[in-house]
Structures are given as structure tokens and as C-alpha cells.
Amino acid sequence: MTVDRSSDAGALGIEACLESDMFNPAEFPTADVFARLATELHDSDGVTETVDAVVEFALRALNCSHAGVMFAVRDGRPQVAAVSDPVIETVYEFQIEAGEGPMIDALSNGVVVHIPDAKVDPRWPRWSELLGDLGIHSVLHLPLVVSDRTGGVLSVYNTMPDAFSTDDEAVAHILARHAAVAVASAREEANLAQAVDARKLIGQAMGILMERFDLDADRAFEVLRRYSQHGNIKLREVAQQLVDTRKLPRS
């Protein structure tokens, strides 16, 4: 999603952090600043707010004109998590459709990809042509790694060539490490909440079957599981249909 600076609570927290007395560019980066950044990220309410805050912080703390975060999705295509503007969504989607590009390399191999000038980089000609048309030259992709697993990529861009200095890259590395932990925690909490909701829903569906057909809990769950397997439908979806319609899907 595109960062909404006017309404995003996490981004506003980062903005306040950067505009406060604690943020002194001459001292940046310091351990104290990034410790406070970590607190801001972990206090963000949910995955969406966390990745939006990461993008907002990147725009303010790094020498970049555009930024974005891409998620790795297990057994599926990468997912655009947050972008500073539609331009970066276009760049991301182009690589997803093509199945190649520097973002794909960073995501697949868990490596940093730094491109001083996309216009003259020979590795991905179509991608280079696209970025030239969009007026983007400098590109830096950093994997978001937790426990040796790459869960996403932080991307920063600049309209000028050779825009990212060694210091910029060092700051980006620190931001990526904090972002990786914060995003992983937010996604885990979201998955746990979804799992709890699914268990409640399945429990409701089992209750309906137990009352209607005088089944015990084990038999009721077996009925749901059988309909799920025979219909190739997720168990949660079978339960949802039963709760909504009081009818099981046709097997």
C-alpha cells in the first residue's frame, strides 16, 4: 500500500521521532536513535502500520526519493507490502511479472543489491529501461532477515546516480535489521490472531453439527474435515459456510 502520511499512526510516530530534539542529523545514526526507532516500530499497531512506518522512516533518514517494502510469501508470488508512491509499485510489479530483477535477487538469495546507476546496469535490460523511463537511477535493496530466513526486502531509490554513500548504506542496513524484527513480530501476531479466529469459527460450526445431529466433538470435527478434503476447501471456509448458511457445502 502507499504510505498515507496524514493518517498513519505508525508513520506519525516516526515523524515525531525524527522532528524531535532526539533526531540530530549530525549524530545520526546512533544506537540511541535506533533503539527509539525499534520501540516506535514495535509499538505500531499491526503489519500495515509497521511497514508504512519503515517506509516513512527510510524516506526521512536516508538519501532517497522513493522507498518500499516487499514481502516474501511462502508457496506464492512476492507481495507488495508498502510503497512511498505508485511509481515503486510499478517497479515491484514489473519484476514480479518478469520473475527477475534486483529485488527478486535480494528476496530469493537474501543478499544486498546496490546499483549505483540503473541506466547503465547490464544485468536486467528491460528493468533498466523501465527505471530510465521513470527517472530513477540509484537503487538499494536490503533483505529483511530473521533467523536466517528472508521475509522481505526494503528498497530505497534516488533519481540521481551514485546517490547512496557508504554511510547511507550503513544506515539502511541498521534500519533493515530493525524492520526485519518488527515486521516478523507483527506478522506472527497477525497469524496467531487469525489462527485464534479460525479455531473459534470451527468451534461454532462443530457446535451446530453437535446440536443438529447429536454428535460428539470428535465426530463433528470429522464431518467438517471430510467435507474439507472431499471438496478441496479449506477447513475454515467449510466452517464459515456452515455458520453463515446453516448448511454444509455440497461434497
C-alpha atoms as a PDB file:
ATOM      1  CA  MET A   1       0.000   0.000   0.000  1.00  0.00           C
ATOM      2  CA  THR A   2       1.052   3.623  -0.456  1.00  0.00           C
ATOM      3  CA  VAL A   3       2.123   5.378   2.716  1.00  0.00           C
ATOM      4  CA  ASP A   4      -0.542   7.792   3.969  1.00  0.00           C
ATOM      5  CA  ARG A   5       1.411  10.349   5.951  1.00  0.00           C
ATOM      6  CA  SER A   6      -1.692  12.227   7.069  1.00  0.00           C
ATOM      7  CA  SER A   7      -3.416   9.356   8.861  1.00  0.00           C
ATOM      8  CA  ASP A   8      -0.958   6.553   9.579  1.00  0.00           C
ATOM      9  CA  ALA A   9      -0.361   6.321  13.308  1.00  0.00           C
ATOM     10  CA  GLY A  10       2.946   4.484  12.973  1.00  0.00           C
ATOM     11  CA  ALA A  11       4.296   6.914  10.404  1.00  0.00           C
ATOM     12  CA  LEU A  12       3.252   9.885  12.542  1.00  0.00           C
ATOM     13  CA  GLY A  13       5.133   8.343  15.442  1.00  0.00           C
ATOM     14  CA  ILE A  14       8.253   8.063  13.307  1.00  0.00           C
ATOM     15  CA  GLU A  15       7.735  11.606  12.020  1.00  0.00           C
ATOM     16  CA  ALA A  16       7.522  12.917  15.574  1.00  0.00           C
ATOM     17  CA  CYS A  17      10.656  10.954  16.416  1.00  0.00           C
ATOM     18  CA  LEU A  18      12.564  12.473  13.521  1.00  0.00           C
ATOM     19  CA  GLU A  19      11.346  16.009  14.157  1.00  0.00           C
ATOM     20  CA  SER A  20      12.044  15.900  17.879  1.00  0.00           C
ATOM     21  CA  ASP A  21      15.232  17.019  19.562  1.00  0.00           C
ATOM     22  CA  MET A  22      16.463  13.443  19.711  1.00  0.00           C
ATOM     23  CA  PHE A  23      16.987  13.374  15.924  1.00  0.00           C
ATOM     24  CA  ASN A  24      20.168  15.234  15.125  1.00  0.00           C
ATOM     25  CA  PRO A  25      21.470  14.511  11.605  1.00  0.00           C
ATOM     26  CA  ALA A  26      24.992  15.268  12.759  1.00  0.00           C
ATOM     27  CA  GLU A  27      24.775  12.414  15.266  1.00  0.00           C
ATOM     28  CA  PHE A  28      22.804  10.037  13.071  1.00  0.00           C
ATOM     29  CA  PRO A  29      22.984   7.085  13.206  1.00  0.00           C
ATOM     30  CA  THR A  30      23.424   6.419  16.932  1.00  0.00           C
ATOM     31  CA  ALA A  31      22.470   3.392  18.968  1.00  0.00           C
ATOM     32  CA  ASP A  32      20.058   5.523  20.992  1.00  0.00           C
ATOM     33  CA  VAL A  33      18.224   6.786  17.908  1.00  0.00           C
ATOM     34  CA  PHE A  34      17.788   3.284  16.539  1.00  0.00           C
ATOM     35  CA  ALA A  35      16.757   1.947  19.945  1.00  0.00           C
ATOM     36  CA  ARG A  36      13.958   4.505  19.927  1.00  0.00           C
ATOM     37  CA  LEU A  37      13.178   3.616  16.327  1.00  0.00           C
ATOM     38  CA  ALA A  38      12.839  -0.035  17.344  1.00  0.00           C
ATOM     39  CA  THR A  39      10.386   0.980  20.060  1.00  0.00           C
ATOM     40  CA  GLU A  40       8.362   3.016  17.560  1.00  0.00           C
ATOM     41  CA  LEU A  41       8.214   0.098  15.133  1.00  0.00           C
ATOM     42  CA  HIS A  42       7.242  -2.441  17.770  1.00  0.00           C
ATOM     43  CA  ASP A  43       4.551  -0.090  19.077  1.00  0.00           C
ATOM     44  CA  SER A  44       2.984   0.164  15.612  1.00  0.00           C
ATOM     45  CA  ASP A  45      -0.472  -1.378  15.522  1.00  0.00           C
ATOM     46  CA  GLY A  46      -0.316  -4.275  13.088  1.00  0.00           C
ATOM     47  CA  VAL A  47       1.584  -5.261   9.959  1.00  0.00           C
ATOM     48  CA  THR A  48       0.276  -2.429   7.770  1.00  0.00           C
ATOM     49  CA  GLU A  49       1.248   0.293  10.227  1.00  0.00           C
ATOM     50  CA  THR A  50       4.665  -1.286  10.810  1.00  0.00           C
ATOM     51  CA  VAL A  51       5.706  -1.430   7.149  1.00  0.00           C
ATOM     52  CA  ASP A  52       4.298   2.045   6.493  1.00  0.00           C
ATOM     53  CA  ALA A  53       6.410   3.337   9.378  1.00  0.00           C
ATOM     54  CA  VAL A  54       9.507   1.638   7.926  1.00  0.00           C
ATOM     55  CA  VAL A  55       8.956   3.316   4.549  1.00  0.00           C
ATOM     56  CA  GLU A  56       8.324   6.701   6.179  1.00  0.00           C
ATOM     57  CA  PHE A  57      11.497   6.423   8.241  1.00  0.00           C
ATOM     58  CA  ALA A  58      13.533   5.422   5.183  1.00  0.00           C
ATOM     59  CA  LEU A  59      12.323   8.486   3.287  1.00  0.00           C
ATOM     60  CA  ARG A  60      13.387  10.774   6.116  1.00  0.00           C
ATOM     61  CA  ALA A  61      16.564   9.107   7.348  1.00  0.00           C
ATOM     62  CA  LEU A  62      18.119   8.051   4.034  1.00  0.00           C
ATOM     63  CA  ASN A  63      19.113   9.942   0.924  1.00  0.00           C
ATOM     64  CA  CYS A  64      16.251   8.538  -1.115  1.00  0.00           C
ATOM     65  CA  SER A  65      13.351   9.864  -3.159  1.00  0.00           C
ATOM     66  CA  HIS A  66      11.303   6.636  -3.126  1.00  0.00           C
ATOM     67  CA  ALA A  67      11.061   3.608  -0.850  1.00  0.00           C
ATOM     68  CA  GLY A  68       9.131   0.386  -0.483  1.00  0.00           C
ATOM     69  CA  VAL A  69       8.858  -2.957   1.293  1.00  0.00           C
ATOM     70  CA  MET A  70       8.194  -6.269  -0.401  1.00  0.00           C
ATOM     71  CA  PHE A  71       7.151  -9.439   1.434  1.00  0.00           C
ATOM     72  CA  ALA A  72       8.149 -12.991   0.605  1.00  0.00           C
ATOM     73  CA  VAL A  73       5.081 -15.224   0.571  1.00  0.00           C
ATOM     74  CA  ARG A  74       5.591 -18.935   1.105  1.00  0.00           C
ATOM     75  CA  ASP A  75       4.445 -21.003  -1.898  1.00  0.00           C
ATOM     76  CA  GLY A  76       3.360 -17.887  -3.779  1.00  0.00           C
ATOM     77  CA  ARG A  77       4.414 -14.753  -5.617  1.00  0.00           C
ATOM     78  CA  PRO A  78       6.027 -11.901  -3.683  1.00  0.00           C
ATOM     79  CA  GLN A  79       3.613  -9.381  -2.186  1.00  0.00           C
ATOM     80  CA  VAL A  80       3.894  -5.598  -2.266  1.00  0.00           C
ATOM     81  CA  ALA A  81       3.654  -4.574   1.407  1.00  0.00           C
ATOM     82  CA  ALA A  82       4.171  -0.793   1.318  1.00  0.00           C
ATOM     83  CA  VAL A  83       5.359   1.842  -1.143  1.00  0.00           C
ATOM     84  CA  SER A  84       6.022   5.551  -0.905  1.00  0.00           C
ATOM     85  CA  ASP A  85       4.185   6.173  -4.181  1.00  0.00           C
ATOM     86  CA  PRO A  86       2.684   4.342  -7.191  1.00  0.00           C
ATOM     87  CA  VAL A  87       5.984   4.557  -9.086  1.00  0.00           C
ATOM     88  CA  ILE A  88       7.559   1.965  -6.806  1.00  0.00           C
ATOM     89  CA  GLU A  89       4.540  -0.298  -7.032  1.00  0.00           C
ATOM     90  CA  THR A  90       5.035  -0.237 -10.816  1.00  0.00           C
ATOM     91  CA  VAL A  91       8.709  -1.189 -10.387  1.00  0.00           C
ATOM     92  CA  TYR A  92       7.838  -4.010  -7.992  1.00  0.00           C
ATOM     93  CA  GLU A  93       5.007  -5.418 -10.111  1.00  0.00           C
ATOM     94  CA  PHE A  94       7.207  -5.359 -13.225  1.00  0.00           C
ATOM     95  CA  GLN A  95       9.771  -7.600 -11.508  1.00  0.00           C
ATOM     96  CA  ILE A  96       7.121  -9.913 -10.071  1.00  0.00           C
ATOM     97  CA  GLU A  97       5.608 -10.453 -13.525  1.00  0.00           C
ATOM     98  CA  ALA A  98       9.009 -10.830 -15.197  1.00  0.00           C
ATOM     99  CA  GLY A  99      10.303 -13.135 -12.460  1.00  0.00           C
ATOM    100  CA  GLU A 100      13.632 -11.314 -12.443  1.00  0.00           C
ATOM    101  CA  GLY A 101      15.275  -8.112 -11.315  1.00  0.00           C
ATOM    102  CA  PRO A 102      17.391  -6.853  -8.414  1.00  0.00           C
ATOM    103  CA  MET A 103      14.509  -7.022  -5.945  1.00  0.00           C
ATOM    104  CA  ILE A 104      13.891 -10.666  -6.904  1.00  0.00           C
ATOM    105  CA  ASP A 105      17.599 -11.431  -6.382  1.00  0.00           C
ATOM    106  CA  ALA A 106      17.627  -9.752  -2.962  1.00  0.00           C
ATOM    107  CA  LEU A 107      14.478 -11.611  -1.932  1.00  0.00           C
ATOM    108  CA  SER A 108      15.442 -15.022  -3.336  1.00  0.00           C
ATOM    109  CA  ASN A 109      19.075 -15.057  -2.255  1.00  0.00           C
ATOM    110  CA  GLY A 110      18.979 -12.896   0.877  1.00  0.00           C
ATOM    111  CA  VAL A 111      21.669 -10.572  -0.450  1.00  0.00           C
ATOM    112  CA  VAL A 112      22.093  -6.797  -0.596  1.00  0.00           C
ATOM    113  CA  VAL A 113      21.841  -5.431  -4.130  1.00  0.00           C
ATOM    114  CA  HIS A 114      23.296  -1.954  -4.663  1.00  0.00           C
ATOM    115  CA  ILE A 115      23.010  -0.424  -8.117  1.00  0.00           C
ATOM    116  CA  PRO A 116      24.738   2.972  -8.476  1.00  0.00           C
ATOM    117  CA  ASP A 117      23.065   3.683 -11.821  1.00  0.00           C
ATOM    118  CA  ALA A 118      20.257   1.516 -13.151  1.00  0.00           C
ATOM    119  CA  LYS A 119      20.510   3.166 -16.565  1.00  0.00           C
ATOM    120  CA  VAL A 120      23.887   1.570 -17.287  1.00  0.00           C
ATOM    121  CA  ASP A 121      23.487  -1.710 -15.401  1.00  0.00           C
ATOM    122  CA  PRO A 122      23.594  -4.557 -17.975  1.00  0.00           C
ATOM    123  CA  ARG A 123      22.073  -7.363 -15.893  1.00  0.00           C
ATOM    124  CA  TRP A 124      18.357  -6.643 -16.385  1.00  0.00           C
ATOM    125  CA  PRO A 125      17.935  -4.657 -19.630  1.00  0.00           C
ATOM    126  CA  ARG A 126      14.129  -4.375 -19.520  1.00  0.00           C
ATOM    127  CA  TRP A 127      14.183  -3.337 -15.877  1.00  0.00           C
ATOM    128  CA  SER A 128      16.892  -0.774 -16.590  1.00  0.00           C
ATOM    129  CA  GLU A 129      14.825   0.640 -19.428  1.00  0.00           C
ATOM    130  CA  LEU A 130      11.785   0.956 -17.145  1.00  0.00           C
ATOM    131  CA  LEU A 131      13.726   2.770 -14.449  1.00  0.00           C
ATOM    132  CA  GLY A 132      15.221   5.066 -17.064  1.00  0.00           C
ATOM    133  CA  ASP A 133      11.712   5.949 -18.221  1.00  0.00           C
ATOM    134  CA  LEU A 134      10.713   6.620 -14.612  1.00  0.00           C
ATOM    135  CA  GLY A 135      13.762   8.802 -13.969  1.00  0.00           C
ATOM    136  CA  ILE A 136      15.253   6.543 -11.256  1.00  0.00           C
ATOM    137  CA  HIS A 137      18.989   5.849 -11.164  1.00  0.00           C
ATOM    138  CA  SER A 138      20.262   4.734  -7.727  1.00  0.00           C
ATOM    139  CA  VAL A 139      18.787   1.559  -6.214  1.00  0.00           C
ATOM    140  CA  LEU A 140      19.472  -0.249  -2.952  1.00  0.00           C
ATOM    141  CA  HIS A 141      17.677  -3.460  -1.917  1.00  0.00           C
ATOM    142  CA  LEU A 142      18.244  -4.890   1.569  1.00  0.00           C
ATOM    143  CA  PRO A 143      16.816  -8.265   2.655  1.00  0.00           C
ATOM    144  CA  LEU A 144      14.785  -8.367   5.867  1.00  0.00           C
ATOM    145  CA  VAL A 145      16.347 -11.384   7.565  1.00  0.00           C
ATOM    146  CA  VAL A 146      15.295 -13.010  10.843  1.00  0.00           C
ATOM    147  CA  SER A 147      16.698 -16.377  11.984  1.00  0.00           C
ATOM    148  CA  ASP A 148      18.410 -16.882   8.614  1.00  0.00           C
ATOM    149  CA  ARG A 149      15.088 -16.537   6.788  1.00  0.00           C
ATOM    150  CA  THR A 150      14.435 -13.694   4.355  1.00  0.00           C
ATOM    151  CA  GLY A 151      10.923 -12.429   4.988  1.00  0.00           C
ATOM    152  CA  GLY A 152      11.039  -9.434   2.694  1.00  0.00           C
ATOM    153  CA  VAL A 153      13.080  -6.634   1.164  1.00  0.00           C
ATOM    154  CA  LEU A 154      13.489  -2.953   1.993  1.00  0.00           C
ATOM    155  CA  SER A 155      14.070  -0.948  -1.190  1.00  0.00           C
ATOM    156  CA  VAL A 156      15.268   2.644  -1.485  1.00  0.00           C
ATOM    157  CA  TYR A 157      15.690   4.656  -4.688  1.00  0.00           C
ATOM    158  CA  ASN A 158      17.052   8.005  -5.806  1.00  0.00           C
ATOM    159  CA  THR A 159      16.561   9.952  -9.008  1.00  0.00           C
ATOM    160  CA  MET A 160      20.287  10.758  -9.089  1.00  0.00           C
ATOM    161  CA  PRO A 161      23.078   8.290  -9.940  1.00  0.00           C
ATOM    162  CA  ASP A 162      25.579   7.290  -7.221  1.00  0.00           C
ATOM    163  CA  ALA A 163      23.249   8.745  -4.599  1.00  0.00           C
ATOM    164  CA  PHE A 164      23.888   6.252  -1.809  1.00  0.00           C
ATOM    165  CA  SER A 165      27.132   6.699   0.089  1.00  0.00           C
ATOM    166  CA  THR A 166      28.774   4.177   2.373  1.00  0.00           C
ATOM    167  CA  ASP A 167      27.139   5.965   5.312  1.00  0.00           C
ATOM    168  CA  ASP A 168      23.721   5.758   3.647  1.00  0.00           C
ATOM    169  CA  GLU A 169      24.169   2.045   3.119  1.00  0.00           C
ATOM    170  CA  ALA A 170      25.232   1.560   6.748  1.00  0.00           C
ATOM    171  CA  VAL A 171      22.127   3.389   7.987  1.00  0.00           C
ATOM    172  CA  ALA A 172      19.970   1.347   5.607  1.00  0.00           C
ATOM    173  CA  HIS A 173      21.466  -1.883   6.993  1.00  0.00           C
ATOM    174  CA  ILE A 174      20.589  -0.866  10.552  1.00  0.00           C
ATOM    175  CA  LEU A 175      17.079   0.145   9.531  1.00  0.00           C
ATOM    176  CA  ALA A 176      16.625  -3.156   7.684  1.00  0.00           C
ATOM    177  CA  ARG A 177      17.654  -5.154  10.766  1.00  0.00           C
ATOM    178  CA  HIS A 178      15.202  -3.302  12.999  1.00  0.00           C
ATOM    179  CA  ALA A 179      12.498  -3.508  10.339  1.00  0.00           C
ATOM    180  CA  ALA A 180      13.021  -7.258   9.888  1.00  0.00           C
ATOM    181  CA  VAL A 181      12.403  -7.978  13.565  1.00  0.00           C
ATOM    182  CA  ALA A 182       9.446  -5.591  13.833  1.00  0.00           C
ATOM    183  CA  VAL A 183       7.762  -6.900  10.679  1.00  0.00           C
ATOM    184  CA  ALA A 184       8.315 -10.534  11.668  1.00  0.00           C
ATOM    185  CA  SER A 185       6.766  -9.868  15.086  1.00  0.00           C
ATOM    186  CA  ALA A 186       3.788  -8.040  13.577  1.00  0.00           C
ATOM    187  CA  ARG A 187       3.172 -10.833  11.047  1.00  0.00           C
ATOM    188  CA  GLU A 188       3.444 -13.508  13.738  1.00  0.00           C
ATOM    189  CA  GLU A 189       0.901 -11.677  15.899  1.00  0.00           C
ATOM    190  CA  ALA A 190      -1.433 -11.342  12.907  1.00  0.00           C
ATOM    191  CA  ASN A 191      -1.078 -15.061  12.112  1.00  0.00           C
ATOM    192  CA  LEU A 192      -1.783 -16.002  15.720  1.00  0.00           C
ATOM    193  CA  ALA A 193      -4.864 -13.786  15.789  1.00  0.00           C
ATOM    194  CA  GLN A 194      -6.068 -15.347  12.553  1.00  0.00           C
ATOM    195  CA  ALA A 195      -5.485 -18.834  13.947  1.00  0.00           C
ATOM    196  CA  VAL A 196      -7.467 -17.993  17.090  1.00  0.00           C
ATOM    197  CA  ASP A 197     -10.315 -16.640  14.964  1.00  0.00           C
ATOM    198  CA  ALA A 198     -10.277 -19.801  12.847  1.00  0.00           C
ATOM    199  CA  ARG A 199     -10.440 -22.025  15.926  1.00  0.00           C
ATOM    200  CA  LYS A 200     -13.411 -20.046  17.246  1.00  0.00           C
ATOM    201  CA  LEU A 201     -15.165 -20.337  13.898  1.00  0.00           C
ATOM    202  CA  ILE A 202     -14.549 -24.084  13.661  1.00  0.00           C
ATOM    203  CA  GLY A 203     -15.813 -24.445  17.224  1.00  0.00           C
ATOM    204  CA  GLN A 204     -19.026 -22.659  16.269  1.00  0.00           C
ATOM    205  CA  ALA A 205     -19.504 -24.945  13.261  1.00  0.00           C
ATOM    206  CA  MET A 206     -18.869 -28.028  15.391  1.00  0.00           C
ATOM    207  CA  GLY A 207     -21.447 -26.802  17.890  1.00  0.00           C
ATOM    208  CA  ILE A 208     -24.047 -26.521  15.129  1.00  0.00           C
ATOM    209  CA  LEU A 209     -23.375 -30.105  13.979  1.00  0.00           C
ATOM    210  CA  MET A 210     -23.353 -31.454  17.521  1.00  0.00           C
ATOM    211  CA  GLU A 211     -26.732 -29.901  18.285  1.00  0.00           C
ATOM    212  CA  ARG A 212     -28.396 -30.740  14.975  1.00  0.00           C
ATOM    213  CA  PHE A 213     -27.188 -34.332  14.585  1.00  0.00           C
ATOM    214  CA  ASP A 214     -26.477 -35.276  18.213  1.00  0.00           C
ATOM    215  CA  LEU A 215     -22.750 -35.780  17.554  1.00  0.00           C
ATOM    216  CA  ASP A 216     -19.853 -35.628  19.966  1.00  0.00           C
ATOM    217  CA  ALA A 217     -16.980 -33.190  19.353  1.00  0.00           C
ATOM    218  CA  ASP A 218     -14.746 -35.724  17.608  1.00  0.00           C
ATOM    219  CA  ARG A 219     -17.467 -36.801  15.179  1.00  0.00           C
ATOM    220  CA  ALA A 220     -18.450 -33.194  14.452  1.00  0.00           C
ATOM    221  CA  PHE A 221     -14.848 -32.283  13.647  1.00  0.00           C
ATOM    222  CA  GLU A 222     -14.528 -35.377  11.435  1.00  0.00           C
ATOM    223  CA  VAL A 223     -17.563 -34.259   9.432  1.00  0.00           C
ATOM    224  CA  LEU A 224     -16.016 -30.840   8.816  1.00  0.00           C
ATOM    225  CA  ARG A 225     -12.670 -32.387   7.903  1.00  0.00           C
ATOM    226  CA  ARG A 226     -14.292 -34.826   5.463  1.00  0.00           C
ATOM    227  CA  TYR A 227     -16.161 -32.044   3.669  1.00  0.00           C
ATOM    228  CA  SER A 228     -12.943 -30.031   3.539  1.00  0.00           C
ATOM    229  CA  GLN A 229     -10.964 -32.885   1.974  1.00  0.00           C
ATOM    230  CA  HIS A 230     -13.626 -34.071  -0.461  1.00  0.00           C
ATOM    231  CA  GLY A 231     -14.418 -30.575  -1.673  1.00  0.00           C
ATOM    232  CA  ASN A 232     -10.791 -29.400  -1.613  1.00  0.00           C
ATOM    233  CA  ILE A 233     -11.938 -26.475   0.520  1.00  0.00           C
ATOM    234  CA  LYS A 234     -10.076 -25.057   3.490  1.00  0.00           C
ATOM    235  CA  LEU A 235     -11.479 -26.212   6.804  1.00  0.00           C
ATOM    236  CA  ARG A 236     -12.037 -22.617   7.864  1.00  0.00           C
ATOM    237  CA  GLU A 237     -14.109 -21.948   4.740  1.00  0.00           C
ATOM    238  CA  VAL A 238     -16.279 -25.032   5.351  1.00  0.00           C
ATOM    239  CA  ALA A 239     -16.892 -23.819   8.891  1.00  0.00           C
ATOM    240  CA  GLN A 240     -17.655 -20.287   7.696  1.00  0.00           C
ATOM    241  CA  GLN A 241     -20.256 -21.539   5.205  1.00  0.00           C
ATOM    242  CA  LEU A 242     -21.919 -23.714   7.824  1.00  0.00           C
ATOM    243  CA  VAL A 243     -22.089 -20.837  10.319  1.00  0.00           C
ATOM    244  CA  ASP A 244     -23.387 -18.405   7.689  1.00  0.00           C
ATOM    245  CA  THR A 245     -25.938 -20.655   5.945  1.00  0.00           C
ATOM    246  CA  ARG A 246     -26.506 -23.481   8.446  1.00  0.00           C
ATOM    247  CA  LYS A 247     -25.712 -25.787   5.527  1.00  0.00           C
ATOM    248  CA  LEU A 248     -22.624 -27.776   4.614  1.00  0.00           C
ATOM    249  CA  PRO A 249     -21.145 -27.320   1.133  1.00  0.00           C
ATOM    250  CA  ARG A 250     -22.005 -29.951  -1.434  1.00  0.00           C
ATOM    251  CA  SER A 251     -19.328 -32.651  -1.489  1.00  0.00           C
END
